[in-house]
Every structure is written in C-alpha cells, then in structure tokens.
C-alpha atoms as a PDB file:
ATOM      1  CA  MET A   1       0.017  48.625  46.342  1.00  0.00           C
ATOM      2  CA  ALA A   2       3.216  46.570  45.506  1.00  0.00           C
ATOM      3  CA  THR A   3       5.382  49.029  46.089  1.00  0.00           C
ATOM      4  CA  THR A   4       4.797  49.824  49.489  1.00  0.00           C
ATOM      5  CA  SER A   5       5.252  45.739  50.517  1.00  0.00           C
ATOM      6  CA  ILE A   6       8.414  45.801  48.869  1.00  0.00           C
ATOM      7  CA  SER A   7       9.945  48.870  50.794  1.00  0.00           C
ATOM      8  CA  ASP A   8       8.305  47.811  53.887  1.00  0.00           C
ATOM      9  CA  ALA A   9      10.282  44.634  53.612  1.00  0.00           C
ATOM     10  CA  ILE A  10      13.480  45.974  52.448  1.00  0.00           C
ATOM     11  CA  ALA A  11      13.538  48.166  55.684  1.00  0.00           C
ATOM     12  CA  ALA A  12      12.757  45.504  57.813  1.00  0.00           C
ATOM     13  CA  TYR A  13      15.762  43.598  56.379  1.00  0.00           C
ATOM     14  CA  ALA A  14      17.938  46.952  57.144  1.00  0.00           C
ATOM     15  CA  ASN A  15      16.665  46.829  60.310  1.00  0.00           C
ATOM     16  CA  VAL A  16      17.414  43.274  60.863  1.00  0.00           C
ATOM     17  CA  ALA A  17      20.627  43.702  59.437  1.00  0.00           C
ATOM     18  CA  LYS A  18      21.476  47.086  61.574  1.00  0.00           C
ATOM     19  CA  SER A  19      20.451  44.975  64.809  1.00  0.00           C
ATOM     20  CA  ALA A  20      22.657  41.938  64.096  1.00  0.00           C
ATOM     21  CA  SER A  21      25.991  43.813  62.922  1.00  0.00           C
ATOM     22  CA  GLY A  22      25.696  45.122  66.553  1.00  0.00           C
ATOM     23  CA  LYS A  23      25.978  48.500  65.598  1.00  0.00           C
ATOM     24  CA  GLY A  24      23.460  49.688  67.766  1.00  0.00           C
ATOM     25  CA  GLY A  25      24.982  50.311  71.357  1.00  0.00           C
ATOM     26  CA  ALA A  26      24.136  47.429  74.086  1.00  0.00           C
ATOM     27  CA  SER A  27      22.590  50.291  76.749  1.00  0.00           C
ATOM     28  CA  ASP A  28      19.977  50.393  73.451  1.00  0.00           C
ATOM     29  CA  GLU A  29      19.582  47.332  73.491  1.00  0.00           C
ATOM     30  CA  ILE A  30      18.583  46.741  77.048  1.00  0.00           C
ATOM     31  CA  LYS A  31      16.409  49.634  77.425  1.00  0.00           C
ATOM     32  CA  THR A  32      14.251  48.968  74.138  1.00  0.00           C
ATOM     33  CA  GLU A  33      11.392  46.426  74.323  1.00  0.00           C
ATOM     34  CA  GLY A  34      11.716  43.510  72.224  1.00  0.00           C
ATOM     35  CA  SER A  35      15.085  43.342  71.485  1.00  0.00           C
ATOM     36  CA  ASP A  36      16.324  39.544  72.523  1.00  0.00           C
ATOM     37  CA  PHE A  37      16.231  37.015  70.045  1.00  0.00           C
ATOM     38  CA  ALA A  38      12.609  35.329  70.575  1.00  0.00           C
ATOM     39  CA  SER A  39      10.839  38.493  69.698  1.00  0.00           C
ATOM     40  CA  MET A  40      12.946  38.964  66.890  1.00  0.00           C
ATOM     41  CA  VAL A  41      12.128  35.414  65.355  1.00  0.00           C
ATOM     42  CA  GLN A  42       8.502  36.355  66.339  1.00  0.00           C
ATOM     43  CA  GLU A  43       8.130  39.769  64.832  1.00  0.00           C
ATOM     44  CA  GLY A  44       9.394  37.982  61.692  1.00  0.00           C
ATOM     45  CA  ILE A  45       7.499  35.343  61.350  1.00  0.00           C
ATOM     46  CA  LYS A  46       4.164  37.814  62.040  1.00  0.00           C
ATOM     47  CA  SER A  47       6.048  39.856  58.369  1.00  0.00           C
ATOM     48  CA  VAL A  48       5.708  36.381  57.165  1.00  0.00           C
ATOM     49  CA  VAL A  49       2.670  35.473  57.749  1.00  0.00           C
ATOM     50  CA  ASP A  50       1.601  39.552  56.992  1.00  0.00           C
ATOM     51  CA  THR A  51       2.836  39.145  53.600  1.00  0.00           C
ATOM     52  CA  GLY A  52       1.095  35.979  52.725  1.00  0.00           C
ATOM     53  CA  LYS A  53      -1.915  37.483  53.642  1.00  0.00           C
ATOM     54  CA  LYS A  54      -1.527  40.499  51.484  1.00  0.00           C
ATOM     55  CA  SER A  55      -0.525  38.284  48.652  1.00  0.00           C
ATOM     56  CA  GLU A  56      -3.720  35.973  49.417  1.00  0.00           C
ATOM     57  CA  GLU A  57      -5.827  39.420  49.260  1.00  0.00           C
ATOM     58  CA  VAL A  58      -4.464  40.502  46.273  1.00  0.00           C
ATOM     59  CA  SER A  59      -4.534  37.408  44.798  1.00  0.00           C
ATOM     60  CA  LYS A  60      -8.922  37.443  45.798  1.00  0.00           C
ATOM     61  CA  ALA A  61      -9.266  40.889  44.083  1.00  0.00           C
ATOM     62  CA  ALA A  62      -8.106  40.233  41.371  1.00  0.00           C
ATOM     63  CA  ILE A  63     -10.449  37.227  41.090  1.00  0.00           C
ATOM     64  CA  SER A  64     -13.260  39.530  41.619  1.00  0.00           C
ATOM     65  CA  GLY A  65     -11.793  41.748  39.024  1.00  0.00           C
ATOM     66  CA  LYS A  66     -10.794  44.792  41.413  1.00  0.00           C
ATOM     67  CA  ALA A  67      -6.710  43.962  41.030  1.00  0.00           C
ATOM     68  CA  ASP A  68      -4.389  44.448  38.381  1.00  0.00           C
ATOM     69  CA  VAL A  69      -2.691  41.576  37.270  1.00  0.00           C
ATOM     70  CA  ARG A  70       0.724  43.162  37.652  1.00  0.00           C
ATOM     71  CA  ASP A  71      -0.205  44.218  41.436  1.00  0.00           C
ATOM     72  CA  VAL A  72      -0.743  39.978  42.130  1.00  0.00           C
ATOM     73  CA  VAL A  73       2.385  38.992  40.209  1.00  0.00           C
ATOM     74  CA  ALA A  74       4.207  41.163  42.384  1.00  0.00           C
ATOM     75  CA  ALA A  75       2.330  40.209  45.648  1.00  0.00           C
ATOM     76  CA  VAL A  76       2.927  36.230  44.913  1.00  0.00           C
ATOM     77  CA  ASN A  77       6.422  36.950  44.082  1.00  0.00           C
ATOM     78  CA  ASN A  78       6.829  38.854  47.072  1.00  0.00           C
ATOM     79  CA  ALA A  79       5.447  35.545  49.399  1.00  0.00           C
ATOM     80  CA  GLU A  80       7.724  33.422  47.219  1.00  0.00           C
ATOM     81  CA  LEU A  81      10.791  35.125  47.864  1.00  0.00           C
ATOM     82  CA  THR A  82       9.914  35.428  51.832  1.00  0.00           C
ATOM     83  CA  LEU A  83       8.824  31.664  52.056  1.00  0.00           C
ATOM     84  CA  GLN A  84      12.404  31.233  50.167  1.00  0.00           C
ATOM     85  CA  THR A  85      13.911  33.509  52.900  1.00  0.00           C
ATOM     86  CA  VAL A  86      11.920  31.671  55.776  1.00  0.00           C
ATOM     87  CA  VAL A  87      13.360  27.948  53.972  1.00  0.00           C
ATOM     88  CA  ALA A  88      16.757  29.237  54.009  1.00  0.00           C
ATOM     89  CA  VAL A  89      17.048  30.561  57.564  1.00  0.00           C
ATOM     90  CA  ARG A  90      15.137  27.234  58.291  1.00  0.00           C
ATOM     91  CA  ASP A  91      17.906  25.148  57.142  1.00  0.00           C
ATOM     92  CA  LYS A  92      20.821  27.845  58.421  1.00  0.00           C
ATOM     93  CA  VAL A  93      19.407  26.745  61.526  1.00  0.00           C
ATOM     94  CA  VAL A  94      19.287  22.964  61.489  1.00  0.00           C
ATOM     95  CA  ALA A  95      22.416  23.278  60.481  1.00  0.00           C
ATOM     96  CA  ALA A  96      24.171  24.950  63.674  1.00  0.00           C
ATOM     97  CA  TYR A  97      22.213  22.303  65.442  1.00  0.00           C
ATOM     98  CA  ASN A  98      23.593  20.185  63.834  1.00  0.00           C
ATOM     99  CA  GLU A  99      27.314  21.481  64.607  1.00  0.00           C
ATOM    100  CA  ILE A 100      26.469  21.731  67.986  1.00  0.00           C
ATOM    101  CA  LEU A 101      25.207  17.865  68.340  1.00  0.00           C
ATOM    102  CA  HIS A 102      28.725  17.271  66.744  1.00  0.00           C
ATOM    103  CA  MET A 103      30.766  19.148  68.971  1.00  0.00           C
ATOM    104  CA  PRO A 104      32.948  17.639  71.450  1.00  0.00           C
ATOM    105  CA  MET A 105      32.240  17.661  74.993  1.00  0.00           C
END
C-alpha cells in the first residue's frame, strides 16, 4: 500500500516539474482543461489532503490490528514529507510576495 502512494507522489511531482519547466507546448496548455495555475494549486492541495486521509486510514487500521506497523510508518512518513513540502512552498510564496512589496514603483 505504501509503495503505491509513493509512486503516485513521484508521478505527481514529475508531472508538476514537467509542466513547470515548460516542456509542453503552449497550444497543449491552452487546450487541456485545468492547465491554469489555480487548477494546479487546487489539485496539489487535494493531493495533500488525500495523503493525510490515507495516513489516518492506515493508522486507524493499525489500531484495530488490521495493518502492519511498516505500512503505518510509511504512511505517516509520507504525510510528514507532504506537510514539509507544503510549508516550504508556503514560505517561498510569502518570500516572493514580500519581494514584490519591496519593489520600487
């Protein structure tokens, strides 16, 4: 179970990196639905919430004796890594906003 979520996370990061690097053509971006920045952020937040929910589900299963401790550790570690990523992105956004505020007009 943990391997699937890790591979999903790797695939999601690869897709975001591909779209951020501009390897896709501009016409491809216009034609695809949800290719704007707001949709990308919304999908990322949904992924973060889903990761947290999966971690909670695995923890609940472990409490009831239905999950292995390794699965719980992997799920919690994945949720922690996701949270750290969100915090890092938030910090970068705040720093960029502060730089914009300090620009001369």
